[in-house]
Amino acid sequence: METKIMIMILVAVVFPLVLDRPLYKVGTQKLKALGMNRFNYDGEPVLTAGGLILVGSSVITGIVLIGLLWLRRVDRELFLQGILFLTGMITMAFWGWRDDCASDRDVKGFRGHFGVLWRERRITSGMWKLIGGTSTAFCLTLALSNTIWAEFVAFGLLALTPNIINLFDLRPGRAIKVFWCLIALAVAFGLLTIGASAAMVNWILLIPIFLASILLFPHDVGGKIMLGDTGSNALGFAAGFFFVIGTPIYVQASMLVLFLCVQIAAEFCSFSRVIEQIGWLRRLDQWGRVTEAENKENQTGSSGLV
């Protein structure tokens, strides 16, 4: 059993590393061809929906892992979780991709989307994403939980966490950092509650998307590509999913309350402004990012001026 698990961990680590460069090259070419260019917070053009690369790497690796689970009869429950995870991630990424490709991106927040629906009787791309995401979360919840209370909490996490990550995809690298923080919490709570051996099995499914996020991070934080709703939805779903399968119900409920508070706060205040006002958050947010001052310094140096 341990040998089989080690083989799967090896596959989960090696495949994203091998796939990274070719997928990034092909992915950026396709995104450019599709005209997926947007202006970032600084007014600079940048490719969006770069999460498509991350999803592609995770899905390919996940299919291989599920195939190994089926051939080696490792764990029926893990096999089912792998199927549900891939299905959910692909579906959530699809709804995000649909929003990335839409033209009505000026409407922001739940209030904005519901406001358009009420005033204009029109469903925005963001509203379609909300409908699709909640429907996906509901269907998956039926297979993941066996009590009404557990289903309610799991549904809330799976439906809300993608939007939580999306709220932070406003500056280079920020959404990925939030994803890492959530995964660190899920792993820590898993170790403290269900134990290392049980948590390790769950991590096998997590490794590919976690590694893919690390490999995409330099491109994101360097301002070359944005996750977009495609990537934010995929990362958010992954974080929510691993809270559901890897932590006790009281941890899940606590995280759901936290996410609800964050979502409500986002309707009334700017997280970017809050981050700028708190020193340690500002330093964490800027970690790895080339600041505007450094950009000017680099441009001055390259032009030969002192």
Protein backbone atom coordinates (compact mmCIF):
# COMPACT_ATOMS: atom_id res chain seq x y z
CA MET A 1 0.00 0.00 0.00
CA GLU A 2 2.77 2.44 0.91
CA THR A 3 4.61 1.70 -2.36
CA LYS A 4 1.47 2.46 -4.36
CA ILE A 5 0.98 5.75 -2.52
CA MET A 6 4.61 6.73 -3.08
CA ILE A 7 4.28 6.04 -6.82
CA MET A 8 1.21 8.25 -6.94
CA ILE A 9 2.96 11.05 -5.06
CA LEU A 10 5.86 10.80 -7.51
CA VAL A 11 3.46 11.10 -10.45
CA ALA A 12 1.68 14.03 -8.79
CA VAL A 13 5.01 15.86 -8.46
CA VAL A 14 6.72 14.97 -11.75
CA PHE A 15 3.85 15.53 -14.20
CA PRO A 16 3.23 19.23 -13.38
CA LEU A 17 6.97 19.90 -13.62
CA VAL A 18 7.20 18.23 -17.04
CA LEU A 19 4.00 19.83 -18.37
CA ASP A 20 4.73 23.37 -17.18
CA ARG A 21 6.86 24.76 -20.01
CA PRO A 22 4.98 23.28 -23.01
CA LEU A 23 1.58 24.14 -21.55
CA TYR A 24 2.65 27.71 -20.78
CA LYS A 25 3.98 28.18 -24.31
CA VAL A 26 0.90 26.73 -26.01
CA GLY A 27 -1.49 28.35 -23.54
CA THR A 28 -0.14 31.89 -23.97
CA GLN A 29 -0.17 31.50 -27.75
CA LYS A 30 -3.82 30.40 -27.71
CA LEU A 31 -4.82 33.19 -25.33
CA LYS A 32 -3.15 35.79 -27.56
CA ALA A 33 -4.86 34.33 -30.62
CA LEU A 34 -8.23 34.56 -28.84
CA GLY A 35 -7.60 38.18 -27.93
CA MET A 36 -7.63 37.57 -24.17
CA ASN A 37 -5.89 40.86 -23.40
CA ARG A 38 -7.01 43.09 -20.56
CA PHE A 39 -5.64 46.16 -18.79
CA ASN A 40 -4.39 45.51 -15.26
CA TYR A 41 -4.66 47.81 -12.23
CA ASP A 42 -1.72 49.86 -13.54
CA GLY A 43 -3.21 50.33 -17.00
CA GLU A 44 -0.78 47.89 -18.62
CA PRO A 45 -2.00 45.27 -21.12
CA VAL A 46 -1.74 41.71 -19.84
CA LEU A 47 -3.08 38.30 -20.84
CA THR A 48 -6.01 37.12 -18.76
CA ALA A 49 -7.50 33.65 -18.13
CA GLY A 50 -3.97 32.34 -17.51
CA GLY A 51 -5.55 29.93 -15.05
CA LEU A 52 -6.36 27.85 -18.11
CA ILE A 53 -2.72 26.70 -18.06
CA LEU A 54 -2.95 25.77 -14.40
CA VAL A 55 -6.20 23.86 -14.95
CA GLY A 56 -4.76 22.00 -17.95
CA SER A 57 -1.74 20.80 -15.97
CA SER A 58 -3.88 19.76 -12.99
CA VAL A 59 -6.45 17.93 -15.11
CA ILE A 60 -3.88 15.94 -17.10
CA THR A 61 -2.07 14.91 -13.92
CA GLY A 62 -5.37 14.19 -12.18
CA ILE A 63 -6.51 11.88 -14.98
CA VAL A 64 -3.26 9.91 -14.69
CA LEU A 65 -3.69 9.65 -10.90
CA ILE A 66 -7.28 8.48 -11.22
CA GLY A 67 -6.16 5.91 -13.77
CA LEU A 68 -3.57 4.60 -11.30
CA LEU A 69 -6.18 4.47 -8.56
CA TRP A 70 -8.46 2.41 -10.78
CA LEU A 71 -5.75 0.04 -12.03
CA ARG A 72 -4.15 -0.57 -8.63
CA ARG A 73 -7.38 -0.59 -6.60
CA VAL A 74 -5.73 1.67 -4.04
CA ASP A 75 -8.75 3.27 -2.39
CA ARG A 76 -12.35 3.38 -3.64
CA GLU A 77 -13.18 6.52 -1.63
CA LEU A 78 -10.10 8.33 -2.93
CA PHE A 79 -11.01 7.28 -6.49
CA LEU A 80 -14.50 8.81 -6.06
CA GLN A 81 -13.04 11.97 -4.55
CA GLY A 82 -10.65 12.25 -7.49
CA ILE A 83 -13.53 12.01 -9.97
CA LEU A 84 -15.55 14.63 -8.07
CA PHE A 85 -12.56 16.95 -7.71
CA LEU A 86 -11.69 16.90 -11.41
CA THR A 87 -15.32 17.26 -12.44
CA GLY A 88 -15.83 20.19 -10.09
CA MET A 89 -12.60 21.96 -11.02
CA ILE A 90 -13.24 21.66 -14.77
CA THR A 91 -16.83 22.86 -14.39
CA MET A 92 -15.92 25.80 -12.15
CA ALA A 93 -13.10 26.77 -14.52
CA PHE A 94 -15.56 26.63 -17.44
CA TRP A 95 -17.89 29.14 -15.76
CA GLY A 96 -14.88 31.32 -15.01
CA TRP A 97 -13.70 31.08 -18.63
CA ARG A 98 -17.15 32.09 -19.82
CA ASP A 99 -16.92 35.20 -17.63
CA ASP A 100 -13.37 35.96 -18.82
CA CYS A 101 -14.57 35.91 -22.45
CA ALA A 102 -17.63 38.10 -21.77
CA SER A 103 -17.88 41.77 -22.71
CA ASP A 104 -20.03 42.94 -19.76
CA ARG A 105 -17.25 43.04 -17.18
CA ASP A 106 -18.01 46.50 -15.81
CA VAL A 107 -20.61 45.10 -13.40
CA LYS A 108 -18.98 44.12 -10.11
CA GLY A 109 -20.11 42.41 -6.92
CA PHE A 110 -23.27 40.55 -6.03
CA ARG A 111 -25.15 43.83 -5.65
CA GLY A 112 -24.12 44.89 -9.15
CA HIS A 113 -25.16 41.63 -10.83
CA PHE A 114 -28.46 41.39 -8.98
CA GLY A 115 -29.03 45.09 -9.67
CA VAL A 116 -28.70 44.55 -13.43
CA LEU A 117 -31.04 41.58 -13.22
CA TRP A 118 -33.63 43.66 -11.34
CA ARG A 119 -33.39 46.86 -13.40
CA GLU A 120 -32.70 45.52 -16.89
CA ARG A 121 -34.07 41.98 -16.66
CA ARG A 122 -30.73 40.85 -18.04
CA ILE A 123 -28.45 38.07 -16.81
CA THR A 124 -24.83 39.18 -16.78
CA SER A 125 -21.89 36.82 -17.33
CA GLY A 126 -21.15 37.13 -13.62
CA MET A 127 -24.68 36.04 -12.80
CA TRP A 128 -24.31 33.03 -15.11
CA LYS A 129 -21.10 32.20 -13.26
CA LEU A 130 -22.97 32.45 -9.96
CA ILE A 131 -25.77 30.18 -11.21
CA GLY A 132 -23.35 27.67 -12.72
CA GLY A 133 -21.05 27.66 -9.71
CA THR A 134 -23.79 27.15 -7.15
CA SER A 135 -25.39 24.41 -9.28
CA THR A 136 -22.04 22.63 -9.53
CA ALA A 137 -21.47 22.95 -5.79
CA PHE A 138 -24.94 21.59 -5.04
CA CYS A 139 -24.50 18.50 -7.23
CA LEU A 140 -21.08 17.70 -5.79
CA THR A 141 -22.31 18.18 -2.23
CA LEU A 142 -24.85 15.39 -2.65
CA ALA A 143 -22.00 12.95 -3.31
CA LEU A 144 -19.58 14.27 -0.68
CA SER A 145 -21.78 14.56 2.43
CA ASN A 146 -24.31 12.29 4.10
CA THR A 147 -26.16 14.56 6.54
CA ILE A 148 -28.19 17.72 5.94
CA TRP A 149 -25.92 19.86 8.13
CA ALA A 150 -22.76 18.55 6.44
CA GLU A 151 -24.34 19.08 3.02
CA PHE A 152 -25.28 22.65 3.88
CA VAL A 153 -21.76 23.53 5.07
CA ALA A 154 -20.05 21.74 2.16
CA PHE A 155 -22.34 23.47 -0.34
CA GLY A 156 -21.54 26.85 1.18
CA LEU A 157 -17.79 26.25 1.02
CA LEU A 158 -17.74 24.89 -2.53
CA ALA A 159 -19.98 27.68 -3.80
CA LEU A 160 -18.33 30.57 -1.96
CA THR A 161 -14.60 29.82 -1.95
CA PRO A 162 -14.12 30.34 -5.73
CA ASN A 163 -15.51 33.85 -5.38
CA ILE A 164 -13.31 34.54 -2.34
CA ILE A 165 -10.18 33.84 -4.40
CA ASN A 166 -11.61 35.91 -7.25
CA LEU A 167 -12.04 38.89 -4.91
CA PHE A 168 -8.26 39.00 -4.46
CA ASP A 169 -7.28 38.61 -8.12
CA LEU A 170 -6.75 42.37 -8.41
CA ARG A 171 -2.97 42.59 -8.08
CA PRO A 172 -0.16 40.37 -9.45
CA GLY A 173 0.24 37.20 -7.38
CA ARG A 174 -2.29 38.14 -4.71
CA ALA A 175 -4.89 35.45 -5.47
CA ILE A 176 -2.27 32.69 -5.52
CA LYS A 177 -0.93 33.83 -2.15
CA VAL A 178 -4.44 33.72 -0.68
CA PHE A 179 -4.84 30.22 -2.12
CA TRP A 180 -1.59 29.13 -0.47
CA CYS A 181 -2.76 30.54 2.87
CA LEU A 182 -6.05 28.65 2.66
CA ILE A 183 -4.29 25.41 1.69
CA ALA A 184 -1.86 25.87 4.60
CA LEU A 185 -4.85 26.20 6.95
CA ALA A 186 -6.55 23.13 5.47
CA VAL A 187 -3.36 21.05 5.82
CA ALA A 188 -2.72 22.30 9.37
CA PHE A 189 -6.27 21.52 10.52
CA GLY A 190 -6.08 18.16 8.78
CA LEU A 191 -2.88 17.23 10.61
CA LEU A 192 -4.29 18.32 13.96
CA THR A 193 -7.63 16.57 13.60
CA ILE A 194 -7.67 13.58 11.23
CA GLY A 195 -3.96 12.72 11.51
CA ALA A 196 -0.99 12.66 9.13
CA SER A 197 -1.69 9.28 7.50
CA ALA A 198 -5.30 10.11 6.57
CA ALA A 199 -4.38 13.64 5.49
CA MET A 200 -1.54 12.36 3.27
CA VAL A 201 -4.00 10.43 1.11
CA ASN A 202 -6.04 13.61 0.56
CA TRP A 203 -2.90 15.58 -0.34
CA ILE A 204 -2.24 13.36 -3.35
CA LEU A 205 -5.09 15.07 -5.18
CA LEU A 206 -3.93 18.48 -3.97
CA ILE A 207 -0.27 18.21 -5.07
CA PRO A 208 -0.81 18.79 -8.85
CA ILE A 209 -2.78 22.03 -8.55
CA PHE A 210 -0.57 23.29 -5.71
CA LEU A 211 2.57 22.71 -7.80
CA ALA A 212 0.91 24.23 -10.87
CA SER A 213 0.15 27.38 -8.85
CA ILE A 214 3.80 27.59 -7.74
CA LEU A 215 4.99 27.26 -11.35
CA LEU A 216 2.54 29.91 -12.59
CA PHE A 217 3.33 32.30 -9.73
CA PRO A 218 6.45 33.94 -11.31
CA HIS A 219 4.47 34.76 -14.46
CA ASP A 220 1.54 36.11 -12.44
CA VAL A 221 3.56 38.13 -9.96
CA GLY A 222 5.73 39.43 -12.81
CA GLY A 223 2.67 40.96 -14.47
CA LYS A 224 2.92 38.78 -17.57
CA ILE A 225 -0.37 36.94 -17.14
CA MET A 226 -3.45 37.03 -14.91
CA LEU A 227 -5.32 34.10 -13.43
CA GLY A 228 -8.64 35.54 -14.49
CA ASP A 229 -11.91 34.01 -13.32
CA THR A 230 -10.81 30.74 -14.92
CA GLY A 231 -7.89 30.33 -12.55
CA SER A 232 -9.53 31.96 -9.54
CA ASN A 233 -12.51 29.64 -9.76
CA ALA A 234 -10.27 26.57 -10.07
CA LEU A 235 -8.04 27.53 -7.13
CA GLY A 236 -10.99 28.57 -4.98
CA PHE A 237 -12.82 25.34 -5.66
CA ALA A 238 -9.68 23.33 -4.82
CA ALA A 239 -9.31 25.13 -1.47
CA GLY A 240 -12.97 24.61 -0.59
CA PHE A 241 -12.90 20.97 -1.69
CA PHE A 242 -9.93 20.10 0.52
CA PHE A 243 -11.55 21.76 3.52
CA VAL A 244 -14.60 19.56 2.89
CA ILE A 245 -12.73 16.24 2.54
CA GLY A 246 -9.85 16.92 4.90
CA THR A 247 -11.18 18.75 7.97
CA PRO A 248 -13.93 18.16 10.56
CA ILE A 249 -17.33 19.76 10.19
CA TYR A 250 -16.70 22.39 12.88
CA VAL A 251 -13.62 23.63 11.00
CA GLN A 252 -15.63 23.76 7.78
CA ALA A 253 -18.42 25.70 9.48
CA SER A 254 -15.92 28.17 10.95
CA MET A 255 -14.33 28.77 7.54
CA LEU A 256 -17.76 29.22 5.97
CA VAL A 257 -18.63 31.93 8.50
CA LEU A 258 -15.28 33.62 7.81
CA PHE A 259 -15.84 33.53 4.05
CA LEU A 260 -19.35 34.94 4.44
CA CYS A 261 -17.95 37.84 6.46
CA VAL A 262 -15.25 38.46 3.82
CA GLN A 263 -17.83 38.38 1.03
CA ILE A 264 -20.11 40.85 2.82
CA ALA A 265 -17.17 43.15 3.61
CA ALA A 266 -16.13 43.11 -0.06
CA GLU A 267 -19.46 44.69 -1.01
CA PHE A 268 -18.72 47.75 1.12
CA CYS A 269 -14.95 48.28 1.19
CA SER A 270 -11.84 47.93 -0.97
CA PHE A 271 -9.49 45.15 0.14
CA SER A 272 -6.65 46.78 -1.80
CA ARG A 273 -7.04 49.94 0.29
CA VAL A 274 -7.12 47.91 3.52
CA ILE A 275 -3.99 45.98 2.52
CA GLU A 276 -2.16 49.21 1.71
CA GLN A 277 -2.94 50.60 5.17
CA ILE A 278 -1.63 47.59 7.15
CA GLY A 279 2.14 47.24 7.06
CA TRP A 280 2.60 43.47 7.28
CA LEU A 281 -0.22 42.83 4.82
CA ARG A 282 1.30 45.33 2.39
CA ARG A 283 4.70 43.65 2.63
CA LEU A 284 3.17 40.21 2.13
CA ASP A 285 1.14 41.47 -0.82
CA GLN A 286 4.20 43.01 -2.47
CA TRP A 287 6.45 40.00 -1.87
CA GLY A 288 7.83 38.80 -5.20
CA ARG A 289 6.24 41.64 -7.13
CA VAL A 290 8.20 44.22 -9.11
CA THR A 291 7.03 47.55 -7.73
CA GLU A 292 6.44 50.68 -9.76
CA ALA A 293 9.59 52.28 -8.33
CA GLU A 294 11.69 49.28 -9.34
CA ASN A 295 10.17 49.38 -12.82
CA LYS A 296 11.19 53.02 -13.20
CA GLU A 297 14.66 52.26 -11.86
CA ASN A 298 15.06 49.39 -14.33
CA GLN A 299 13.85 51.57 -17.20
CA THR A 300 16.25 54.34 -16.18
CA GLY A 301 19.14 51.90 -15.96
CA SER A 302 18.39 50.33 -19.31
CA SER A 303 18.27 53.73 -21.01
CA GLY A 304 21.72 54.63 -19.75
CA LEU A 305 20.55 57.57 -17.63
CA VAL A 306 21.79 58.22 -14.12
